[in-house]
PDB file of all heavy atoms in Angstrom:
ATOM      1  N   TYR A   1     120.856  97.836 116.030  1.00  0.00           N
ATOM      2  CA  TYR A   1     120.928  97.596 117.433  1.00  0.00           C
ATOM      3  C   TYR A   1     122.408  97.875 117.956  1.00  0.00           C
ATOM      4  O   TYR A   1     122.598  98.493 118.982  1.00  0.00           O
ATOM      5  CB  TYR A   1     120.580  96.200 117.706  1.00  0.00           C
ATOM      6  CG  TYR A   1     120.803  95.755 119.223  1.00  0.00           C
ATOM      7  CD1 TYR A   1     120.347  96.582 120.249  1.00  0.00           C
ATOM      8  CD2 TYR A   1     121.373  94.507 119.507  1.00  0.00           C
ATOM      9  CE1 TYR A   1     120.539  96.204 121.532  1.00  0.00           C
ATOM     10  CE2 TYR A   1     121.531  94.147 120.822  1.00  0.00           C
ATOM     11  CZ  TYR A   1     121.063  94.975 121.851  1.00  0.00           C
ATOM     12  OH  TYR A   1     121.231  94.584 123.165  1.00  0.00           O
ATOM     13  N   GLN A   2     123.404  97.510 117.155  1.00  0.00           N
ATOM     14  CA  GLN A   2     124.802  97.795 117.484  1.00  0.00           C
ATOM     15  C   GLN A   2     124.994  99.283 117.627  1.00  0.00           C
ATOM     16  O   GLN A   2     125.657  99.798 118.570  1.00  0.00           O
ATOM     17  CB  GLN A   2     125.758  97.204 116.514  1.00  0.00           C
ATOM     18  CG  GLN A   2     127.241  97.365 116.922  1.00  0.00           C
ATOM     19  CD  GLN A   2     127.552  96.694 118.258  1.00  0.00           C
ATOM     20  OE1 GLN A   2     127.213  95.575 118.541  1.00  0.00           O
ATOM     21  NE2 GLN A   2     128.147  97.501 119.145  1.00  0.00           N
ATOM     22  N   SER A   3     124.418 100.078 116.747  1.00  0.00           N
ATOM     23  CA  SER A   3     124.510 101.498 116.771  1.00  0.00           C
ATOM     24  C   SER A   3     123.848 102.034 118.002  1.00  0.00           C
ATOM     25  O   SER A   3     124.345 103.005 118.611  1.00  0.00           O
ATOM     26  CB  SER A   3     123.900 102.117 115.579  1.00  0.00           C
ATOM     27  OG  SER A   3     123.988 103.539 115.547  1.00  0.00           O
ATOM     28  N   MET A   4     122.724 101.462 118.437  1.00  0.00           N
ATOM     29  CA  MET A   4     122.047 101.903 119.658  1.00  0.00           C
ATOM     30  C   MET A   4     122.923 101.677 120.881  1.00  0.00           C
ATOM     31  O   MET A   4     122.976 102.506 121.766  1.00  0.00           O
ATOM     32  CB  MET A   4     120.676 101.178 119.770  1.00  0.00           C
ATOM     33  CG  MET A   4     119.645 101.663 118.822  1.00  0.00           C
ATOM     34  SD  MET A   4     118.086 100.824 119.107  1.00  0.00           S
ATOM     35  CE  MET A   4     117.028 101.674 117.953  1.00  0.00           C
ATOM     36  N   LYS A   5     123.530 100.508 120.873  1.00  0.00           N
ATOM     37  CA  LYS A   5     124.387 100.167 122.022  1.00  0.00           C
ATOM     38  C   LYS A   5     125.591 101.162 122.127  1.00  0.00           C
ATOM     39  O   LYS A   5     125.947 101.596 123.195  1.00  0.00           O
ATOM     40  CB  LYS A   5     124.924  98.764 121.915  1.00  0.00           C
ATOM     41  CG  LYS A   5     123.867  97.703 122.190  1.00  0.00           C
ATOM     42  CD  LYS A   5     124.410  96.307 122.482  1.00  0.00           C
ATOM     43  CE  LYS A   5     125.140  95.794 121.243  1.00  0.00           C
ATOM     44  NZ  LYS A   5     125.600  94.352 121.494  1.00  0.00           N
ATOM     45  N   ASN A   6     126.112 101.517 120.943  1.00  0.00           N
ATOM     46  CA  ASN A   6     127.225 102.469 120.900  1.00  0.00           C
ATOM     47  C   ASN A   6     126.875 103.873 121.420  1.00  0.00           C
ATOM     48  O   ASN A   6     127.579 104.455 122.174  1.00  0.00           O
ATOM     49  CB  ASN A   6     127.784 102.551 119.466  1.00  0.00           C
ATOM     50  CG  ASN A   6     128.461 101.301 118.966  1.00  0.00           C
ATOM     51  OD1 ASN A   6     128.831 100.440 119.826  1.00  0.00           O
ATOM     52  ND2 ASN A   6     128.583 101.094 117.651  1.00  0.00           N
ATOM     53  N   ILE A   7     125.710 104.345 120.910  1.00  0.00           N
ATOM     54  CA  ILE A   7     125.320 105.729 121.401  1.00  0.00           C
ATOM     55  C   ILE A   7     124.929 105.715 122.826  1.00  0.00           C
ATOM     56  O   ILE A   7     125.168 106.749 123.534  1.00  0.00           O
ATOM     57  CB  ILE A   7     124.217 106.306 120.478  1.00  0.00           C
ATOM     58  CG1 ILE A   7     122.926 105.539 120.602  1.00  0.00           C
ATOM     59  CG2 ILE A   7     124.703 106.435 119.003  1.00  0.00           C
ATOM     60  CD1 ILE A   7     121.785 106.251 119.880  1.00  0.00           C
ATOM     61  N   TYR A   8     124.421 104.627 123.330  1.00  0.00           N
ATOM     62  CA  TYR A   8     124.057 104.497 124.741  1.00  0.00           C
ATOM     63  C   TYR A   8     125.291 104.627 125.574  1.00  0.00           C
ATOM     64  O   TYR A   8     125.406 105.390 126.553  1.00  0.00           O
ATOM     65  CB  TYR A   8     123.282 103.238 125.015  1.00  0.00           C
ATOM     66  CG  TYR A   8     123.017 103.035 126.517  1.00  0.00           C
ATOM     67  CD1 TYR A   8     122.128 103.851 127.186  1.00  0.00           C
ATOM     68  CD2 TYR A   8     123.609 102.066 127.273  1.00  0.00           C
ATOM     69  CE1 TYR A   8     121.751 103.721 128.498  1.00  0.00           C
ATOM     70  CE2 TYR A   8     123.332 101.872 128.627  1.00  0.00           C
ATOM     71  CZ  TYR A   8     122.395 102.722 129.202  1.00  0.00           C
ATOM     72  OH  TYR A   8     122.120 102.579 130.558  1.00  0.00           O
ATOM     73  N   LYS A   9     126.437 103.954 125.229  1.00  0.00           N
ATOM     74  CA  LYS A   9     127.683 104.022 125.868  1.00  0.00           C
ATOM     75  C   LYS A   9     128.262 105.443 125.877  1.00  0.00           C
ATOM     76  O   LYS A   9     128.946 105.844 126.795  1.00  0.00           O
ATOM     77  CB  LYS A   9     128.677 103.021 125.297  1.00  0.00           C
ATOM     78  CG  LYS A   9     128.370 101.577 125.588  1.00  0.00           C
ATOM     79  CD  LYS A   9     129.350 100.608 124.889  1.00  0.00           C
ATOM     80  CE  LYS A   9     129.015  99.176 125.140  1.00  0.00           C
ATOM     81  NZ  LYS A   9     129.946  98.285 124.428  1.00  0.00           N
ATOM     82  N   ASN A  10     127.929 106.132 124.760  1.00  0.00           N
ATOM     83  CA  ASN A  10     128.504 107.491 124.658  1.00  0.00           C
ATOM     84  C   ASN A  10     127.615 108.594 125.167  1.00  0.00           C
ATOM     85  O   ASN A  10     127.893 109.781 124.893  1.00  0.00           O
ATOM     86  CB  ASN A  10     128.792 107.765 123.142  1.00  0.00           C
ATOM     87  CG  ASN A  10     129.940 106.874 122.604  1.00  0.00           C
ATOM     88  OD1 ASN A  10     130.903 106.633 123.348  1.00  0.00           O
ATOM     89  ND2 ASN A  10     129.883 106.470 121.371  1.00  0.00           N
ATOM     90  N   GLY A  11     126.537 108.225 125.860  1.00  0.00           N
ATOM     91  CA  GLY A  11     125.801 109.259 126.601  1.00  0.00           C
ATOM     92  C   GLY A  11     124.355 109.516 126.104  1.00  0.00           C
ATOM     93  O   GLY A  11     123.662 110.323 126.705  1.00  0.00           O
ATOM     94  N   CYS A  12     123.961 108.853 125.088  1.00  0.00           N
ATOM     95  CA  CYS A  12     122.607 108.985 124.602  1.00  0.00           C
ATOM     96  C   CYS A  12     121.618 108.471 125.624  1.00  0.00           C
ATOM     97  O   CYS A  12     121.881 107.414 126.251  1.00  0.00           O
ATOM     98  CB  CYS A  12     122.353 108.344 123.278  1.00  0.00           C
ATOM     99  SG  CYS A  12     120.685 108.461 122.639  1.00  0.00           S
ATOM    100  N   ILE A  13     120.572 109.235 125.882  1.00  0.00           N
ATOM    101  CA  ILE A  13     119.519 108.802 126.893  1.00  0.00           C
ATOM    102  C   ILE A  13     118.506 107.904 126.194  1.00  0.00           C
ATOM    103  O   ILE A  13     118.058 108.243 125.122  1.00  0.00           O
ATOM    104  CB  ILE A  13     118.836 110.016 127.575  1.00  0.00           C
ATOM    105  CG1 ILE A  13     119.873 110.833 128.253  1.00  0.00           C
ATOM    106  CG2 ILE A  13     117.723 109.584 128.448  1.00  0.00           C
ATOM    107  CD1 ILE A  13     119.397 112.202 128.756  1.00  0.00           C
ATOM    108  N   PHE A  14     118.212 106.770 126.822  1.00  0.00           N
ATOM    109  CA  PHE A  14     117.193 105.874 126.280  1.00  0.00           C
ATOM    110  C   PHE A  14     115.990 105.899 127.195  1.00  0.00           C
ATOM    111  O   PHE A  14     116.102 105.893 128.435  1.00  0.00           O
ATOM    112  CB  PHE A  14     117.749 104.452 126.101  1.00  0.00           C
ATOM    113  CG  PHE A  14     118.483 104.281 124.814  1.00  0.00           C
ATOM    114  CD1 PHE A  14     119.717 104.807 124.642  1.00  0.00           C
ATOM    115  CD2 PHE A  14     117.874 103.514 123.828  1.00  0.00           C
ATOM    116  CE1 PHE A  14     120.377 104.628 123.455  1.00  0.00           C
ATOM    117  CE2 PHE A  14     118.558 103.391 122.565  1.00  0.00           C
ATOM    118  CZ  PHE A  14     119.774 103.861 122.376  1.00  0.00           C
ATOM    119  N   VAL A  15     114.755 106.004 126.559  1.00  0.00           N
ATOM    120  CA  VAL A  15     113.532 106.115 127.269  1.00  0.00           C
ATOM    121  C   VAL A  15     112.581 105.059 126.682  1.00  0.00           C
ATOM    122  O   VAL A  15     112.607 104.804 125.452  1.00  0.00           O
ATOM    123  CB  VAL A  15     112.906 107.509 127.018  1.00  0.00           C
ATOM    124  CG1 VAL A  15     111.558 107.617 127.912  1.00  0.00           C
ATOM    125  CG2 VAL A  15     113.844 108.653 127.427  1.00  0.00           C
ATOM    126  N   GLY A  16     111.827 104.411 127.545  1.00  0.00           N
ATOM    127  CA  GLY A  16     110.860 103.392 127.061  1.00  0.00           C
ATOM    128  C   GLY A  16     109.631 103.519 127.857  1.00  0.00           C
ATOM    129  O   GLY A  16     109.673 103.666 129.092  1.00  0.00           O
ATOM    130  N   THR A  17     108.415 103.343 127.148  1.00  0.00           N
ATOM    131  CA  THR A  17     107.217 103.322 127.926  1.00  0.00           C
ATOM    132  C   THR A  17     106.446 102.035 127.646  1.00  0.00           C
ATOM    133  O   THR A  17     106.550 101.505 126.525  1.00  0.00           O
ATOM    134  CB  THR A  17     106.278 104.550 127.528  1.00  0.00           C
ATOM    135  OG1 THR A  17     105.088 104.515 128.318  1.00  0.00           O
ATOM    136  CG2 THR A  17     105.918 104.528 126.064  1.00  0.00           C
ATOM    137  N   SER A  18     105.842 101.417 128.593  1.00  0.00           N
ATOM    138  CA  SER A  18     105.085 100.193 128.468  1.00  0.00           C
ATOM    139  C   SER A  18     105.986  99.058 127.931  1.00  0.00           C
ATOM    140  O   SER A  18     106.964  98.773 128.568  1.00  0.00           O
ATOM    141  CB  SER A  18     103.863 100.478 127.539  1.00  0.00           C
ATOM    142  OG  SER A  18     102.928  99.284 127.512  1.00  0.00           O
ATOM    143  N   ALA A  19     105.707  98.565 126.704  1.00  0.00           N
ATOM    144  CA  ALA A  19     106.597  97.493 126.159  1.00  0.00           C
ATOM    145  C   ALA A  19     108.028  98.015 126.022  1.00  0.00           C
ATOM    146  O   ALA A  19     109.055  97.306 126.174  1.00  0.00           O
ATOM    147  CB  ALA A  19     106.087  97.063 124.822  1.00  0.00           C
ATOM    148  N   GLY A  20     108.146  99.314 125.712  1.00  0.00           N
ATOM    149  CA  GLY A  20     109.441 100.004 125.608  1.00  0.00           C
ATOM    150  C   GLY A  20     110.174 100.035 126.894  1.00  0.00           C
ATOM    151  O   GLY A  20     111.413 100.188 126.961  1.00  0.00           O
ATOM    152  N   ALA A  21     109.429  99.873 128.058  1.00  0.00           N
ATOM    153  CA  ALA A  21     110.069  99.768 129.358  1.00  0.00           C
ATOM    154  C   ALA A  21     110.533  98.443 129.635  1.00  0.00           C
ATOM    155  O   ALA A  21     111.731  98.298 130.089  1.00  0.00           O
ATOM    156  CB  ALA A  21     109.010 100.260 130.452  1.00  0.00           C
ATOM    157  N   SER A  22     109.762  97.431 129.408  1.00  0.00           N
ATOM    158  CA  SER A  22     110.127  96.042 129.700  1.00  0.00           C
ATOM    159  C   SER A  22     111.422  95.625 128.888  1.00  0.00           C
ATOM    160  O   SER A  22     112.269  94.880 129.412  1.00  0.00           O
ATOM    161  CB  SER A  22     109.014  95.058 129.294  1.00  0.00           C
ATOM    162  OG  SER A  22     107.928  95.237 130.241  1.00  0.00           O
ATOM    163  N   VAL A  23     111.599  96.140 127.710  1.00  0.00           N
ATOM    164  CA  VAL A  23     112.682  95.711 126.914  1.00  0.00           C
ATOM    165  C   VAL A  23     114.050  96.305 127.286  1.00  0.00           C
ATOM    166  O   VAL A  23     115.024  95.858 126.836  1.00  0.00           O
ATOM    167  CB  VAL A  23     112.330  96.100 125.396  1.00  0.00           C
ATOM    168  CG1 VAL A  23     112.685  97.574 125.144  1.00  0.00           C
ATOM    169  CG2 VAL A  23     113.066  95.184 124.445  1.00  0.00           C
ATOM    170  N   MET A  24     114.040  97.297 128.223  1.00  0.00           N
ATOM    171  CA  MET A  24     115.292  97.931 128.560  1.00  0.00           C
ATOM    172  C   MET A  24     116.200  96.978 129.357  1.00  0.00           C
ATOM    173  O   MET A  24     117.438  97.178 129.353  1.00  0.00           O
ATOM    174  CB  MET A  24     114.980  99.194 129.450  1.00  0.00           C
ATOM    175  CG  MET A  24     114.370 100.281 128.687  1.00  0.00           C
ATOM    176  SD  MET A  24     115.442 100.889 127.393  1.00  0.00           S
ATOM    177  CE  MET A  24     114.311 101.960 126.476  1.00  0.00           C
ATOM    178  N   SER A  25     115.653  96.004 130.027  1.00  0.00           N
ATOM    179  CA  SER A  25     116.469  95.162 130.856  1.00  0.00           C
ATOM    180  C   SER A  25     117.084  94.037 130.060  1.00  0.00           C
ATOM    181  O   SER A  25     116.775  93.766 128.910  1.00  0.00           O
ATOM    182  CB  SER A  25     115.592  94.567 132.069  1.00  0.00           C
ATOM    183  OG  SER A  25     114.517  93.859 131.475  1.00  0.00           O
ATOM    184  N   HIS A  26     118.035  93.337 130.700  1.00  0.00           N
ATOM    185  CA  HIS A  26     118.746  92.197 130.117  1.00  0.00           C
ATOM    186  C   HIS A  26     117.810  91.080 129.860  1.00  0.00           C
ATOM    187  O   HIS A  26     117.864  90.312 128.837  1.00  0.00           O
ATOM    188  CB  HIS A  26     119.903  91.755 130.931  1.00  0.00           C
ATOM    189  CG  HIS A  26     120.833  90.738 130.266  1.00  0.00           C
ATOM    190  ND1 HIS A  26     120.616  89.314 130.598  1.00  0.00           N
ATOM    191  CD2 HIS A  26     121.841  90.863 129.435  1.00  0.00           C
ATOM    192  CE1 HIS A  26     121.496  88.710 129.831  1.00  0.00           C
ATOM    193  NE2 HIS A  26     122.252  89.569 129.166  1.00  0.00           N
ATOM    194  N   THR A  27     116.880  90.813 130.816  1.00  0.00           N
ATOM    195  CA  THR A  27     115.885  89.779 130.705  1.00  0.00           C
ATOM    196  C   THR A  27     114.471  90.443 130.867  1.00  0.00           C
ATOM    197  O   THR A  27     114.288  91.241 131.780  1.00  0.00           O
ATOM    198  CB  THR A  27     115.972  88.677 131.801  1.00  0.00           C
ATOM    199  OG1 THR A  27     117.306  88.092 131.667  1.00  0.00           O
ATOM    200  CG2 THR A  27     114.946  87.577 131.599  1.00  0.00           C
ATOM    201  N   MET A  28     113.530  90.125 130.000  1.00  0.00           N
ATOM    202  CA  MET A  28     112.249  90.806 130.086  1.00  0.00           C
ATOM    203  C   MET A  28     111.112  89.820 130.201  1.00  0.00           C
ATOM    204  O   MET A  28     111.205  88.708 129.679  1.00  0.00           O
ATOM    205  CB  MET A  28     112.101  91.737 128.802  1.00  0.00           C
ATOM    206  CG  MET A  28     111.951  90.966 127.528  1.00  0.00           C
ATOM    207  SD  MET A  28     111.795  92.016 126.117  1.00  0.00           S
ATOM    208  CE  MET A  28     111.601  90.891 124.802  1.00  0.00           C
ATOM    209  N   ILE A  29     110.046  90.264 130.752  1.00  0.00           N
ATOM    210  CA  ILE A  29     108.770  89.474 130.816  1.00  0.00           C
ATOM    211  C   ILE A  29     108.086  89.698 129.508  1.00  0.00           C
ATOM    212  O   ILE A  29     107.855  90.817 129.042  1.00  0.00           O
ATOM    213  CB  ILE A  29     107.917  89.955 131.983  1.00  0.00           C
ATOM    214  CG1 ILE A  29     108.586  89.621 133.379  1.00  0.00           C
ATOM    215  CG2 ILE A  29     106.548  89.272 131.928  1.00  0.00           C
ATOM    216  CD1 ILE A  29     107.851  90.168 134.548  1.00  0.00           C
ATOM    217  N   ILE A  30     107.644  88.565 128.955  1.00  0.00           N
ATOM    218  CA  ILE A  30     106.863  88.673 127.715  1.00  0.00           C
ATOM    219  C   ILE A  30     105.384  88.190 127.886  1.00  0.00           C
ATOM    220  O   ILE A  30     104.536  88.528 127.121  1.00  0.00           O
ATOM    221  CB  ILE A  30     107.490  87.973 126.496  1.00  0.00           C
ATOM    222  CG1 ILE A  30     107.729  86.476 126.851  1.00  0.00           C
ATOM    223  CG2 ILE A  30     108.770  88.652 126.155  1.00  0.00           C
ATOM    224  CD1 ILE A  30     108.233  85.669 125.605  1.00  0.00           C
ATOM    225  N   GLU A  31     105.169  87.310 128.864  1.00  0.00           N
ATOM    226  CA  GLU A  31     103.808  86.822 129.097  1.00  0.00           C
ATOM    227  C   GLU A  31     103.751  86.257 130.514  1.00  0.00           C
ATOM    228  O   GLU A  31     104.585  85.629 131.026  1.00  0.00           O
ATOM    229  CB  GLU A  31     103.486  85.754 128.104  1.00  0.00           C
ATOM    230  CG  GLU A  31     102.052  85.271 128.124  1.00  0.00           C
ATOM    231  CD  GLU A  31     101.757  84.191 127.098  1.00  0.00           C
ATOM    232  OE1 GLU A  31     102.506  84.078 126.115  1.00  0.00           O
ATOM    233  OE2 GLU A  31     100.794  83.455 127.272  1.00  0.00           O
ATOM    234  N   GLY A  32     102.552  86.498 131.128  1.00  0.00           N
ATOM    235  CA  GLY A  32     102.238  85.937 132.438  1.00  0.00           C
ATOM    236  C   GLY A  32     100.889  86.347 132.862  1.00  0.00           C
ATOM    237  O   GLY A  32     100.271  87.193 132.294  1.00  0.00           O
ATOM    238  N   TYR A  33     100.334  85.642 133.897  1.00  0.00           N
ATOM    239  CA  TYR A  33      98.955  85.889 134.298  1.00  0.00           C
ATOM    240  C   TYR A  33      98.865  87.238 134.970  1.00  0.00           C
ATOM    241  O   TYR A  33      99.647  87.561 135.893  1.00  0.00           O
ATOM    242  CB  TYR A  33      98.514  84.831 135.266  1.00  0.00           C
ATOM    243  CG  TYR A  33      98.407  83.419 134.630  1.00  0.00           C
ATOM    244  CD1 TYR A  33      98.524  82.298 135.483  1.00  0.00           C
ATOM    245  CD2 TYR A  33      98.098  83.303 133.278  1.00  0.00           C
ATOM    246  CE1 TYR A  33      98.428  81.028 134.848  1.00  0.00           C
ATOM    247  CE2 TYR A  33      98.011  82.017 132.714  1.00  0.00           C
ATOM    248  CZ  TYR A  33      98.179  80.938 133.483  1.00  0.00           C
ATOM    249  OH  TYR A  33      98.067  79.658 132.966  1.00  0.00           O
ATOM    250  N   ASP A  34      97.895  88.039 134.564  1.00  0.00           N
ATOM    251  CA  ASP A  34      97.534  89.326 135.255  1.00  0.00           C
ATOM    252  C   ASP A  34      96.525  89.054 136.323  1.00  0.00           C
ATOM    253  O   ASP A  34      95.657  88.193 136.140  1.00  0.00           O
ATOM    254  CB  ASP A  34      97.004  90.338 134.285  1.00  0.00           C
ATOM    255  CG  ASP A  34      98.012  90.890 133.331  1.00  0.00           C
ATOM    256  OD1 ASP A  34      99.233  90.636 133.522  1.00  0.00           O
ATOM    257  OD2 ASP A  34      97.663  91.647 132.357  1.00  0.00           O
TER     258      ASP A  34
END
């Protein structure tokens, strides 16, 4: 994870879909009524 943070700061693009999208933020939703 530290390596990921380092490469992100250095210009690596991060992509996330579905669960991989929610996890991109500082706080994420993990459960709630649909």
